Amino acid sequence: MKILITGGQGFLGSYLVDYLANKGQEVIVFDKLAHDVSGDITSRKDVRTVFEKYGPFDTVYHLASAMPDKVVSNDVTWKTNVHGTINVVSEAVKNKAKSFVFTSSNVTYGIPKELPVTEETQLHPLEVYGKSKAQAEAELAKFAGQINIQIFRCPVITGVGRLGLQAILFEFISENRNVYTLGDGSNKYQFVDAQDVCQALEKASHMLGFDIYTIGGDGVMTIKEVYKKLIEAAGSRSKVIPLPAFLTLGVLAFLDRFNISPLGVYQYSMLGRSLYMDTTKIKKKLKWKPKKTNAQSFIENYEWYVKHKGTFTEVGSGKASNNKSLPKMKIFKLLKFLS
């Protein structure tokens, strides 16, 4: 099979490239940082060129996205995630690709009223990233019947090599600093390992029609439990310190307003809340089951982080995708000093 992966230089994209190549599939990577084909999904010309020069493709995995990391503007986020998606799916249809697999996000749910969320749970995104992903889903639905489309609403994808905001947690623990929960840390937040996501995406590429899946790892734990397991595995002297939820939320909102915190609206809004998915549908329809629990994935990534600490580039350097880079810690440098 001949495959196109947009965003193939990103964290999940890198995993998917290796996963499919090991299955003997010919993979073309389209990415701003790509060695195969360098280009921008917001450019209809760039997208058209990759299809005309390297196609036809059996499957298009559309992973490219502007992330909620405070590096790009809201306008760029919307243009990338919505108009970029329209560009890619339009060319996929025009060039008769068989299937189109898209990674959306659990941020589209906002703060759900009931848990676990399912594919039928109403979307209420809080900020531009979530809204752009929800709109991208709506745009893809317009192409139903013209190409097989499978959409995944993913939680935070972790695993070996994931940095981003997780790197802040790892830095604190590796230096025996205290780590903090919003409230008592009893909220459950689901993650999923990149290798497990790759398996699901590949399975979905063979499905007919239009469908949406919620995906997540098993063994969902409270944030406090995840932190404690990670601290124990690291042999760290860090302690888990609860912070008063209402007061801390106000402080984080203030810090975000003046752009001196690495956390955006969605991240600090969900720090003390639970969010986890019902994975019944994906397990039944795709015959998929995650191999790694949330705790296992975090511990493996932490061990990798410690071995490679000091070699990472910072977000915005242009040398690596944002999820494979260190975030700008901003006010968290002071928090670390006080911890």
C-alpha atoms as a PDB file:
ATOM      1  CA  MET A   1       0.000   0.000   0.000  1.00  0.00           C
ATOM      2  CA  LYS A   2       1.081   3.577  -0.619  1.00  0.00           C
ATOM      3  CA  ILE A   3       0.422   5.897   2.292  1.00  0.00           C
ATOM      4  CA  LEU A   4       0.472   9.672   2.868  1.00  0.00           C
ATOM      5  CA  ILE A   5       0.966  10.976   6.389  1.00  0.00           C
ATOM      6  CA  THR A   6       0.560  14.685   7.047  1.00  0.00           C
ATOM      7  CA  GLY A   7       2.367  15.785  10.191  1.00  0.00           C
ATOM      8  CA  GLY A   8       4.620  12.751   9.939  1.00  0.00           C
ATOM      9  CA  GLN A   9       7.468  14.512  11.757  1.00  0.00           C
ATOM     10  CA  GLY A  10       5.327  15.068  14.852  1.00  0.00           C
ATOM     11  CA  PHE A  11       5.269  12.825  17.904  1.00  0.00           C
ATOM     12  CA  LEU A  12       2.444  10.523  16.813  1.00  0.00           C
ATOM     13  CA  GLY A  13       3.412  10.899  13.151  1.00  0.00           C
ATOM     14  CA  SER A  14       6.923   9.574  13.782  1.00  0.00           C
ATOM     15  CA  TYR A  15       5.471   6.506  15.474  1.00  0.00           C
ATOM     16  CA  LEU A  16       2.998   5.923  12.655  1.00  0.00           C
ATOM     17  CA  VAL A  17       5.680   6.200   9.963  1.00  0.00           C
ATOM     18  CA  ASP A  18       7.720   3.457  11.655  1.00  0.00           C
ATOM     19  CA  TYR A  19       4.651   1.329  12.391  1.00  0.00           C
ATOM     20  CA  LEU A  20       3.461   1.298   8.772  1.00  0.00           C
ATOM     21  CA  ALA A  21       6.944   0.969   7.273  1.00  0.00           C
ATOM     22  CA  ASN A  22       7.488  -2.135   9.412  1.00  0.00           C
ATOM     23  CA  LYS A  23       4.343  -3.556   7.820  1.00  0.00           C
ATOM     24  CA  GLY A  24       5.922  -3.114   4.388  1.00  0.00           C
ATOM     25  CA  GLN A  25       3.874  -0.091   3.359  1.00  0.00           C
ATOM     26  CA  GLU A  26       5.362   2.713   1.287  1.00  0.00           C
ATOM     27  CA  VAL A  27       5.056   5.904   3.350  1.00  0.00           C
ATOM     28  CA  ILE A  28       5.315   9.489   2.122  1.00  0.00           C
ATOM     29  CA  VAL A  29       5.657  12.125   4.861  1.00  0.00           C
ATOM     30  CA  PHE A  30       4.251  15.603   4.228  1.00  0.00           C
ATOM     31  CA  ASP A  31       5.279  18.066   6.922  1.00  0.00           C
ATOM     32  CA  LYS A  32       6.908  21.469   7.363  1.00  0.00           C
ATOM     33  CA  LEU A  33       9.913  19.645   8.833  1.00  0.00           C
ATOM     34  CA  ALA A  34       9.769  16.595   6.559  1.00  0.00           C
ATOM     35  CA  HIS A  35      12.693  15.024   4.734  1.00  0.00           C
ATOM     36  CA  ASP A  36      10.297  13.459   2.202  1.00  0.00           C
ATOM     37  CA  VAL A  37       8.055  16.341   1.176  1.00  0.00           C
ATOM     38  CA  SER A  38       8.306  19.696   2.923  1.00  0.00           C
ATOM     39  CA  GLY A  39       5.143  21.743   2.716  1.00  0.00           C
ATOM     40  CA  ASP A  40       2.238  23.430   4.468  1.00  0.00           C
ATOM     41  CA  ILE A  41      -1.276  21.990   4.549  1.00  0.00           C
ATOM     42  CA  THR A  42      -2.696  25.534   4.464  1.00  0.00           C
ATOM     43  CA  SER A  43      -1.236  25.905   0.976  1.00  0.00           C
ATOM     44  CA  ARG A  44      -3.582  24.297  -1.562  1.00  0.00           C
ATOM     45  CA  LYS A  45      -0.681  24.343  -4.032  1.00  0.00           C
ATOM     46  CA  ASP A  46       1.611  22.403  -1.664  1.00  0.00           C
ATOM     47  CA  VAL A  47      -1.100  19.845  -0.971  1.00  0.00           C
ATOM     48  CA  ARG A  48      -1.959  19.454  -4.651  1.00  0.00           C
ATOM     49  CA  THR A  49       1.713  18.950  -5.508  1.00  0.00           C
ATOM     50  CA  VAL A  50       2.246  16.074  -3.077  1.00  0.00           C
ATOM     51  CA  PHE A  51      -0.785  14.230  -4.431  1.00  0.00           C
ATOM     52  CA  GLU A  52       0.142  14.786  -8.069  1.00  0.00           C
ATOM     53  CA  LYS A  53       3.853  13.997  -7.649  1.00  0.00           C
ATOM     54  CA  TYR A  54       3.743  11.109  -5.181  1.00  0.00           C
ATOM     55  CA  GLY A  55       0.220   9.678  -5.421  1.00  0.00           C
ATOM     56  CA  PRO A  56      -2.077   7.933  -5.852  1.00  0.00           C
ATOM     57  CA  PHE A  57      -2.401   6.961  -2.190  1.00  0.00           C
ATOM     58  CA  ASP A  58      -4.431   4.134  -0.731  1.00  0.00           C
ATOM     59  CA  THR A  59      -4.782   5.874   2.632  1.00  0.00           C
ATOM     60  CA  VAL A  60      -4.238   9.415   3.860  1.00  0.00           C
ATOM     61  CA  TYR A  61      -3.519   9.772   7.587  1.00  0.00           C
ATOM     62  CA  HIS A  62      -4.141  13.413   8.410  1.00  0.00           C
ATOM     63  CA  LEU A  63      -2.270  14.155  11.635  1.00  0.00           C
ATOM     64  CA  ALA A  64      -0.890  17.633  10.895  1.00  0.00           C
ATOM     65  CA  SER A  65      -2.247  20.197  13.326  1.00  0.00           C
ATOM     66  CA  ALA A  66      -1.505  23.488  15.031  1.00  0.00           C
ATOM     67  CA  MET A  67      -1.237  22.560  18.705  1.00  0.00           C
ATOM     68  CA  PRO A  68      -2.536  24.502  21.758  1.00  0.00           C
ATOM     69  CA  ASP A  69       0.947  25.448  22.934  1.00  0.00           C
ATOM     70  CA  LYS A  70       0.679  29.255  22.842  1.00  0.00           C
ATOM     71  CA  VAL A  71       3.294  29.506  20.085  1.00  0.00           C
ATOM     72  CA  VAL A  72       0.943  30.230  17.167  1.00  0.00           C
ATOM     73  CA  SER A  73      -1.930  32.697  16.930  1.00  0.00           C
ATOM     74  CA  ASN A  74      -5.594  31.772  17.018  1.00  0.00           C
ATOM     75  CA  ASP A  75      -5.893  32.684  13.334  1.00  0.00           C
ATOM     76  CA  VAL A  76      -3.084  30.321  12.373  1.00  0.00           C
ATOM     77  CA  THR A  77      -4.572  27.572  14.537  1.00  0.00           C
ATOM     78  CA  TRP A  78      -7.935  27.896  12.801  1.00  0.00           C
ATOM     79  CA  LYS A  79      -6.444  28.142   9.331  1.00  0.00           C
ATOM     80  CA  THR A  80      -4.241  25.095   9.904  1.00  0.00           C
ATOM     81  CA  ASN A  81      -6.754  22.829  11.594  1.00  0.00           C
ATOM     82  CA  VAL A  82      -9.838  23.733   9.558  1.00  0.00           C
ATOM     83  CA  HIS A  83      -8.756  25.020   6.142  1.00  0.00           C
ATOM     84  CA  GLY A  84      -5.745  22.715   6.101  1.00  0.00           C
ATOM     85  CA  THR A  85      -8.016  19.736   6.699  1.00  0.00           C
ATOM     86  CA  ILE A  86     -10.327  20.847   3.876  1.00  0.00           C
ATOM     87  CA  ASN A  87      -7.336  21.124   1.540  1.00  0.00           C
ATOM     88  CA  VAL A  88      -6.088  17.633   2.337  1.00  0.00           C
ATOM     89  CA  VAL A  89      -9.423  15.817   2.162  1.00  0.00           C
ATOM     90  CA  SER A  90     -10.394  17.653  -1.044  1.00  0.00           C
ATOM     91  CA  GLU A  91      -7.258  16.428  -2.791  1.00  0.00           C
ATOM     92  CA  ALA A  92      -7.703  12.943  -1.335  1.00  0.00           C
ATOM     93  CA  VAL A  93     -11.177  12.773  -2.890  1.00  0.00           C
ATOM     94  CA  LYS A  94     -10.039  14.304  -6.157  1.00  0.00           C
ATOM     95  CA  ASN A  95      -7.198  11.799  -6.457  1.00  0.00           C
ATOM     96  CA  LYS A  96      -9.386   8.842  -5.459  1.00  0.00           C
ATOM     97  CA  ALA A  97      -7.670   7.817  -2.227  1.00  0.00           C
ATOM     98  CA  LYS A  98      -9.507   4.893  -0.654  1.00  0.00           C
ATOM     99  CA  SER A  99      -9.558   6.074   2.954  1.00  0.00           C
ATOM    100  CA  PHE A 100      -8.943   9.141   5.075  1.00  0.00           C
ATOM    101  CA  VAL A 101      -8.053   8.816   8.769  1.00  0.00           C
ATOM    102  CA  PHE A 102      -8.144  11.925  10.952  1.00  0.00           C
ATOM    103  CA  THR A 103      -6.944  12.547  14.507  1.00  0.00           C
ATOM    104  CA  SER A 104      -9.274  14.879  16.366  1.00  0.00           C
ATOM    105  CA  SER A 105      -9.119  15.499  20.116  1.00  0.00           C
ATOM    106  CA  ASN A 106     -10.961  15.015  23.387  1.00  0.00           C
ATOM    107  CA  VAL A 107     -10.719  18.789  23.910  1.00  0.00           C
ATOM    108  CA  THR A 108     -13.731  19.038  21.607  1.00  0.00           C
ATOM    109  CA  TYR A 109     -15.842  17.876  24.577  1.00  0.00           C
ATOM    110  CA  GLY A 110     -14.852  20.834  26.750  1.00  0.00           C
ATOM    111  CA  ILE A 111     -16.111  20.096  30.265  1.00  0.00           C
ATOM    112  CA  PRO A 112     -18.593  17.247  29.774  1.00  0.00           C
ATOM    113  CA  LYS A 113     -21.626  16.943  32.039  1.00  0.00           C
ATOM    114  CA  GLU A 114     -21.458  13.143  32.178  1.00  0.00           C
ATOM    115  CA  LEU A 115     -18.621  10.609  32.167  1.00  0.00           C
ATOM    116  CA  PRO A 116     -17.380   8.598  30.446  1.00  0.00           C
ATOM    117  CA  VAL A 117     -17.821  10.495  27.202  1.00  0.00           C
ATOM    118  CA  THR A 118     -18.879   8.561  24.130  1.00  0.00           C
ATOM    119  CA  GLU A 119     -19.015   9.218  20.415  1.00  0.00           C
ATOM    120  CA  GLU A 120     -22.517  10.612  20.986  1.00  0.00           C
ATOM    121  CA  THR A 121     -21.566  13.097  23.713  1.00  0.00           C
ATOM    122  CA  GLN A 122     -22.259  16.657  22.601  1.00  0.00           C
ATOM    123  CA  LEU A 123     -19.221  18.789  21.799  1.00  0.00           C
ATOM    124  CA  HIS A 124     -18.637  21.990  23.795  1.00  0.00           C
ATOM    125  CA  PRO A 125     -15.036  23.091  23.123  1.00  0.00           C
ATOM    126  CA  LEU A 126     -13.693  25.844  25.360  1.00  0.00           C
ATOM    127  CA  GLU A 127     -11.023  27.464  23.205  1.00  0.00           C
ATOM    128  CA  VAL A 128      -9.826  27.858  19.628  1.00  0.00           C
ATOM    129  CA  TYR A 129      -7.944  24.554  19.382  1.00  0.00           C
ATOM    130  CA  GLY A 130     -10.967  22.522  20.460  1.00  0.00           C
ATOM    131  CA  LYS A 131     -13.292  24.604  18.310  1.00  0.00           C
ATOM    132  CA  SER A 132     -11.037  24.154  15.284  1.00  0.00           C
ATOM    133  CA  LYS A 133     -10.943  20.383  15.743  1.00  0.00           C
ATOM    134  CA  ALA A 134     -14.720  20.242  16.096  1.00  0.00           C
ATOM    135  CA  GLN A 135     -15.124  22.318  12.937  1.00  0.00           C
ATOM    136  CA  ALA A 136     -12.655  20.091  11.092  1.00  0.00           C
ATOM    137  CA  GLU A 137     -14.835  17.102  11.994  1.00  0.00           C
ATOM    138  CA  ALA A 138     -17.880  18.944  10.652  1.00  0.00           C
ATOM    139  CA  GLU A 139     -16.072  19.742   7.401  1.00  0.00           C
ATOM    140  CA  LEU A 140     -15.037  16.111   6.963  1.00  0.00           C
ATOM    141  CA  ALA A 141     -18.637  14.985   7.452  1.00  0.00           C
ATOM    142  CA  LYS A 142     -19.485  16.904   4.263  1.00  0.00           C
ATOM    143  CA  PHE A 143     -17.293  14.464   2.322  1.00  0.00           C
ATOM    144  CA  ALA A 144     -19.052  11.358   3.666  1.00  0.00           C
ATOM    145  CA  GLY A 145     -20.001   9.144   0.738  1.00  0.00           C
ATOM    146  CA  GLN A 146     -17.109  10.405  -1.392  1.00  0.00           C
ATOM    147  CA  ILE A 147     -14.332   8.689   0.554  1.00  0.00           C
ATOM    148  CA  ASN A 148     -14.089   6.400   3.590  1.00  0.00           C
ATOM    149  CA  ILE A 149     -13.455   8.685   6.588  1.00  0.00           C
ATOM    150  CA  GLN A 150     -12.561   7.546  10.121  1.00  0.00           C
ATOM    151  CA  ILE A 151     -12.163  10.095  12.932  1.00  0.00           C
ATOM    152  CA  PHE A 152     -10.472   9.537  16.298  1.00  0.00           C
ATOM    153  CA  ARG A 153     -11.075  11.762  19.307  1.00  0.00           C
ATOM    154  CA  CYS A 154      -7.788  11.257  21.120  1.00  0.00           C
ATOM    155  CA  PRO A 155      -6.844  12.156  24.681  1.00  0.00           C
ATOM    156  CA  VAL A 156      -3.287  13.309  25.368  1.00  0.00           C
ATOM    157  CA  ILE A 157      -1.044  10.847  23.533  1.00  0.00           C
ATOM    158  CA  THR A 158       1.959   9.794  25.564  1.00  0.00           C
ATOM    159  CA  GLY A 159       4.781   7.287  25.233  1.00  0.00           C
ATOM    160  CA  VAL A 160       8.532   7.336  24.773  1.00  0.00           C
ATOM    161  CA  GLY A 161       9.651  10.633  23.251  1.00  0.00           C
ATOM    162  CA  ARG A 162       6.681  12.777  24.231  1.00  0.00           C
ATOM    163  CA  LEU A 163       7.713  16.094  25.752  1.00  0.00           C
ATOM    164  CA  GLY A 164       5.499  19.186  25.720  1.00  0.00           C
ATOM    165  CA  LEU A 165       3.898  19.879  29.093  1.00  0.00           C
ATOM    166  CA  GLN A 166       4.814  16.398  30.324  1.00  0.00           C
ATOM    167  CA  ALA A 167       8.435  17.511  30.306  1.00  0.00           C
ATOM    168  CA  ILE A 168       7.664  20.047  33.052  1.00  0.00           C
ATOM    169  CA  LEU A 169       6.331  17.275  35.291  1.00  0.00           C
ATOM    170  CA  PHE A 170       9.356  15.109  34.491  1.00  0.00           C
ATOM    171  CA  GLU A 171      11.773  17.955  35.231  1.00  0.00           C
ATOM    172  CA  PHE A 172      10.216  18.579  38.631  1.00  0.00           C
ATOM    173  CA  ILE A 173      10.320  14.892  39.579  1.00  0.00           C
ATOM    174  CA  SER A 174      13.840  14.318  38.276  1.00  0.00           C
ATOM    175  CA  GLU A 175      15.041  17.225  40.443  1.00  0.00           C
ATOM    176  CA  ASN A 176      13.099  16.085  43.527  1.00  0.00           C
ATOM    177  CA  ARG A 177      10.775  19.101  43.360  1.00  0.00           C
ATOM    178  CA  ASN A 178       7.221  18.934  44.634  1.00  0.00           C
ATOM    179  CA  VAL A 179       4.447  18.422  42.092  1.00  0.00           C
ATOM    180  CA  TYR A 180       0.984  19.888  42.430  1.00  0.00           C
ATOM    181  CA  THR A 181      -2.629  18.904  41.919  1.00  0.00           C
ATOM    182  CA  LEU A 182      -5.584  21.211  41.537  1.00  0.00           C
ATOM    183  CA  GLY A 183      -7.719  20.145  44.476  1.00  0.00           C
ATOM    184  CA  ASP A 184      -7.012  16.784  46.074  1.00  0.00           C
ATOM    185  CA  GLY A 185      -5.953  15.085  42.819  1.00  0.00           C
ATOM    186  CA  SER A 186      -8.844  12.612  42.879  1.00  0.00           C
ATOM    187  CA  ASN A 187      -9.896  13.531  39.343  1.00  0.00           C
ATOM    188  CA  LYS A 188      -9.371  10.885  36.658  1.00  0.00           C
ATOM    189  CA  TYR A 189      -7.785  11.913  33.375  1.00  0.00           C
ATOM    190  CA  GLN A 190      -7.206   9.445  30.571  1.00  0.00           C
ATOM    191  CA  PHE A 191      -4.181   9.195  28.293  1.00  0.00           C
ATOM    192  CA  VAL A 192      -3.254   6.765  25.513  1.00  0.00           C
ATOM    193  CA  ASP A 193       0.063   5.358  24.319  1.00  0.00           C
ATOM    194  CA  ALA A 194       1.274   6.278  20.823  1.00  0.00           C
ATOM    195  CA  GLN A 195       1.894   2.657  19.826  1.00  0.00           C
ATOM    196  CA  ASP A 196      -1.674   1.764  20.728  1.00  0.00           C
ATOM    197  CA  VAL A 197      -2.989   4.682  18.673  1.00  0.00           C
ATOM    198  CA  CYS A 198      -0.995   3.573  15.629  1.00  0.00           C
ATOM    199  CA  GLN A 199      -2.565   0.125  15.803  1.00  0.00           C
ATOM    200  CA  ALA A 200      -6.047   1.664  15.918  1.00  0.00           C
ATOM    201  CA  LEU A 201      -5.391   4.068  13.048  1.00  0.00           C
ATOM    202  CA  GLU A 202      -4.123   1.303  10.785  1.00  0.00           C
ATOM    203  CA  LYS A 203      -7.121  -0.898  11.574  1.00  0.00           C
ATOM    204  CA  ALA A 204      -9.463   2.002  10.788  1.00  0.00           C
ATOM    205  CA  SER A 205      -7.893   2.505   7.354  1.00  0.00           C
ATOM    206  CA  HIS A 206      -9.649  -0.687   6.214  1.00  0.00           C
ATOM    207  CA  MET A 207     -13.109   0.380   7.379  1.00  0.00           C
ATOM    208  CA  LEU A 208     -15.838   1.546   5.018  1.00  0.00           C
ATOM    209  CA  GLY A 209     -17.999   4.641   5.357  1.00  0.00           C
ATOM    210  CA  PHE A 210     -17.824   7.499   7.851  1.00  0.00           C
ATOM    211  CA  ASP A 211     -17.310   6.890  11.551  1.00  0.00           C
ATOM    212  CA  ILE A 212     -16.034   8.463  14.777  1.00  0.00           C
ATOM    213  CA  TYR A 213     -14.262   6.722  17.665  1.00  0.00           C
ATOM    214  CA  THR A 214     -13.317   7.695  21.182  1.00  0.00           C
ATOM    215  CA  ILE A 215      -9.976   6.156  22.099  1.00  0.00           C
ATOM    216  CA  GLY A 216      -8.009   5.897  25.335  1.00  0.00           C
ATOM    217  CA  GLY A 217      -5.838   3.640  27.423  1.00  0.00           C
ATOM    218  CA  ASP A 218      -7.123   1.228  30.039  1.00  0.00           C
ATOM    219  CA  GLY A 219      -6.294   1.478  33.719  1.00  0.00           C
ATOM    220  CA  VAL A 220      -7.423   5.079  34.079  1.00  0.00           C
ATOM    221  CA  MET A 221      -6.150   6.434  37.398  1.00  0.00           C
ATOM    222  CA  THR A 222      -6.526   9.625  39.358  1.00  0.00           C
ATOM    223  CA  ILE A 223      -3.953  12.331  38.703  1.00  0.00           C
ATOM    224  CA  LYS A 224      -2.616  11.860  42.221  1.00  0.00           C
ATOM    225  CA  GLU A 225      -2.178   8.118  41.646  1.00  0.00           C
ATOM    226  CA  VAL A 226      -0.347   8.698  38.355  1.00  0.00           C
ATOM    227  CA  TYR A 227       2.018  11.194  40.008  1.00  0.00           C
ATOM    228  CA  LYS A 228       2.721   8.866  42.942  1.00  0.00           C
ATOM    229  CA  LYS A 229       3.449   5.882  40.701  1.00  0.00           C
ATOM    230  CA  LEU A 230       5.787   8.002  38.603  1.00  0.00           C
ATOM    231  CA  ILE A 231       7.580   9.381  41.685  1.00  0.00           C
ATOM    232  CA  GLU A 232       7.958   5.877  43.094  1.00  0.00           C
ATOM    233  CA  ALA A 233       9.309   4.483  39.816  1.00  0.00           C
ATOM    234  CA  ALA A 234      11.737   7.402  39.563  1.00  0.00           C
ATOM    235  CA  GLY A 235      13.004   6.955  43.110  1.00  0.00           C
ATOM    236  CA  SER A 236      12.366  10.668  43.573  1.00  0.00           C
ATOM    237  CA  ARG A 237      11.871  12.574  46.816  1.00  0.00           C
ATOM    238  CA  SER A 238       9.115  14.674  45.246  1.00  0.00           C
ATOM    239  CA  LYS A 239       5.844  15.032  47.114  1.00  0.00           C
ATOM    240  CA  VAL A 240       2.349  15.549  45.712  1.00  0.00           C
ATOM    241  CA  ILE A 241       0.956  18.816  47.077  1.00  0.00           C
ATOM    242  CA  PRO A 242      -2.755  19.716  46.708  1.00  0.00           C
ATOM    243  CA  LEU A 243      -3.637  23.306  45.895  1.00  0.00           C
ATOM    244  CA  PRO A 244      -6.998  24.992  46.607  1.00  0.00           C
ATOM    245  CA  ALA A 245      -8.928  24.600  43.368  1.00  0.00           C
ATOM    246  CA  PHE A 246     -10.916  27.839  43.181  1.00  0.00           C
ATOM    247  CA  LEU A 247      -8.056  30.138  44.164  1.00  0.00           C
ATOM    248  CA  THR A 248      -5.527  28.370  41.944  1.00  0.00           C
ATOM    249  CA  LEU A 249      -7.829  28.509  38.923  1.00  0.00           C
ATOM    250  CA  GLY A 250      -8.120  32.255  39.348  1.00  0.00           C
ATOM    251  CA  VAL A 251      -4.351  32.626  39.538  1.00  0.00           C
ATOM    252  CA  LEU A 252      -3.810  30.449  36.461  1.00  0.00           C
ATOM    253  CA  ALA A 253      -6.407  32.412  34.489  1.00  0.00           C
ATOM    254  CA  PHE A 254      -4.638  35.641  35.453  1.00  0.00           C
ATOM    255  CA  LEU A 255      -1.242  34.254  34.442  1.00  0.00           C
ATOM    256  CA  ASP A 256      -2.627  33.004  31.135  1.00  0.00           C
ATOM    257  CA  ARG A 257      -4.164  36.380  30.375  1.00  0.00           C
ATOM    258  CA  PHE A 258      -0.721  37.977  30.532  1.00  0.00           C
ATOM    259  CA  ASN A 259       0.961  35.015  28.779  1.00  0.00           C
ATOM    260  CA  ILE A 260       3.324  34.207  31.626  1.00  0.00           C
ATOM    261  CA  SER A 261       2.154  30.627  32.141  1.00  0.00           C
ATOM    262  CA  PRO A 262       2.760  27.628  29.848  1.00  0.00           C
ATOM    263  CA  LEU A 263      -0.830  26.494  30.460  1.00  0.00           C
ATOM    264  CA  GLY A 264      -3.651  27.558  28.181  1.00  0.00           C
ATOM    265  CA  VAL A 265      -7.375  27.816  28.944  1.00  0.00           C
ATOM    266  CA  TYR A 266      -8.174  24.172  28.356  1.00  0.00           C
ATOM    267  CA  GLN A 267      -5.163  22.858  30.257  1.00  0.00           C
ATOM    268  CA  TYR A 268      -5.713  24.800  33.459  1.00  0.00           C
ATOM    269  CA  SER A 269      -9.493  24.382  33.267  1.00  0.00           C
ATOM    270  CA  MET A 270      -9.129  20.588  33.217  1.00  0.00           C
ATOM    271  CA  LEU A 271      -6.323  20.229  35.780  1.00  0.00           C
ATOM    272  CA  GLY A 272      -8.764  19.471  38.551  1.00  0.00           C
ATOM    273  CA  ARG A 273     -11.474  17.814  36.467  1.00  0.00           C
ATOM    274  CA  SER A 274     -12.042  14.286  35.215  1.00  0.00           C
ATOM    275  CA  LEU A 275     -12.194  13.285  31.564  1.00  0.00           C
ATOM    276  CA  TYR A 276     -12.177   9.758  30.267  1.00  0.00           C
ATOM    277  CA  MET A 277     -13.713   7.948  27.341  1.00  0.00           C
ATOM    278  CA  ASP A 278     -15.911   4.933  26.821  1.00  0.00           C
ATOM    279  CA  THR A 279     -13.875   2.732  24.454  1.00  0.00           C
ATOM    280  CA  THR A 280     -16.518   0.046  23.941  1.00  0.00           C
ATOM    281  CA  LYS A 281     -17.174   0.955  20.311  1.00  0.00           C
ATOM    282  CA  ILE A 282     -13.575   1.020  19.136  1.00  0.00           C
ATOM    283  CA  LYS A 283     -12.786  -2.247  20.890  1.00  0.00           C
ATOM    284  CA  LYS A 284     -15.769  -3.969  19.324  1.00  0.00           C
ATOM    285  CA  LYS A 285     -15.735  -2.526  15.812  1.00  0.00           C
ATOM    286  CA  LEU A 286     -11.981  -2.396  15.227  1.00  0.00           C
ATOM    287  CA  LYS A 287     -11.144  -5.359  17.470  1.00  0.00           C
ATOM    288  CA  TRP A 288      -8.643  -3.090  19.181  1.00  0.00           C
ATOM    289  CA  LYS A 289      -7.306  -3.217  22.715  1.00  0.00           C
ATOM    290  CA  PRO A 290      -4.604  -0.981  24.238  1.00  0.00           C
ATOM    291  CA  LYS A 291      -1.489  -2.826  25.351  1.00  0.00           C
ATOM    292  CA  LYS A 292      -0.217  -0.216  27.798  1.00  0.00           C
ATOM    293  CA  THR A 293      -1.878   1.360  30.802  1.00  0.00           C
ATOM    294  CA  ASN A 294      -1.549   5.087  31.422  1.00  0.00           C
ATOM    295  CA  ALA A 295       0.953   4.497  34.243  1.00  0.00           C
ATOM    296  CA  GLN A 296       3.152   2.182  32.157  1.00  0.00           C
ATOM    297  CA  SER A 297       3.304   4.687  29.328  1.00  0.00           C
ATOM    298  CA  PHE A 298       4.244   7.571  31.636  1.00  0.00           C
ATOM    299  CA  ILE A 299       6.955   5.576  33.415  1.00  0.00           C
ATOM    300  CA  GLU A 300       8.565   4.432  30.155  1.00  0.00           C
ATOM    301  CA  ASN A 301       8.580   7.996  28.861  1.00  0.00           C
ATOM    302  CA  TYR A 302      10.051   9.329  32.118  1.00  0.00           C
ATOM    303  CA  GLU A 303      12.896   6.818  31.955  1.00  0.00           C
ATOM    304  CA  TRP A 304      13.611   7.915  28.381  1.00  0.00           C
ATOM    305  CA  TYR A 305      13.450  11.573  29.414  1.00  0.00           C
ATOM    306  CA  VAL A 306      16.055  11.106  32.162  1.00  0.00           C
ATOM    307  CA  LYS A 307      18.459   9.346  29.782  1.00  0.00           C
ATOM    308  CA  HIS A 308      18.220  12.138  27.228  1.00  0.00           C
ATOM    309  CA  LYS A 309      17.808  15.160  29.485  1.00  0.00           C
ATOM    310  CA  GLY A 310      19.911  18.087  28.283  1.00  0.00           C
ATOM    311  CA  THR A 311      19.611  17.201  24.600  1.00  0.00           C
ATOM    312  CA  PHE A 312      16.146  18.627  23.885  1.00  0.00           C
ATOM    313  CA  THR A 313      15.310  21.751  21.895  1.00  0.00           C
ATOM    314  CA  GLU A 314      12.760  24.342  23.004  1.00  0.00           C
ATOM    315  CA  VAL A 315       9.376  24.874  21.388  1.00  0.00           C
ATOM    316  CA  GLY A 316       9.671  27.385  18.555  1.00  0.00           C
ATOM    317  CA  SER A 317      13.255  26.495  17.662  1.00  0.00           C
ATOM    318  CA  GLY A 318      12.095  24.923  14.400  1.00  0.00           C
ATOM    319  CA  LYS A 319      14.257  21.827  14.908  1.00  0.00           C
ATOM    320  CA  ALA A 320      11.532  19.498  16.164  1.00  0.00           C
ATOM    321  CA  SER A 321       7.763  19.399  16.417  1.00  0.00           C
ATOM    322  CA  ASN A 322       6.229  21.031  19.479  1.00  0.00           C
ATOM    323  CA  ASN A 323       5.313  17.764  21.196  1.00  0.00           C
ATOM    324  CA  LYS A 324       8.914  16.617  20.824  1.00  0.00           C
ATOM    325  CA  SER A 325      10.270  19.875  22.266  1.00  0.00           C
ATOM    326  CA  LEU A 326      10.533  21.502  25.693  1.00  0.00           C
ATOM    327  CA  PRO A 327       7.819  24.061  26.488  1.00  0.00           C
ATOM    328  CA  LYS A 328       8.684  27.547  27.652  1.00  0.00           C
ATOM    329  CA  MET A 329       8.294  27.225  31.428  1.00  0.00           C
ATOM    330  CA  LYS A 330       7.768  30.947  32.115  1.00  0.00           C
ATOM    331  CA  ILE A 331       6.349  31.428  35.646  1.00  0.00           C
ATOM    332  CA  PHE A 332       6.866  27.730  36.339  1.00  0.00           C
ATOM    333  CA  LYS A 333      10.602  28.431  36.694  1.00  0.00           C
ATOM    334  CA  LEU A 334       9.743  30.349  39.857  1.00  0.00           C
ATOM    335  CA  LEU A 335       7.397  27.572  40.969  1.00  0.00           C
ATOM    336  CA  LYS A 336      10.215  25.052  40.557  1.00  0.00           C
ATOM    337  CA  PHE A 337      12.578  27.229  42.571  1.00  0.00           C
ATOM    338  CA  LEU A 338      10.023  27.429  45.384  1.00  0.00           C
ATOM    339  CA  SER A 339       9.393  23.687  45.285  1.00  0.00           C
END
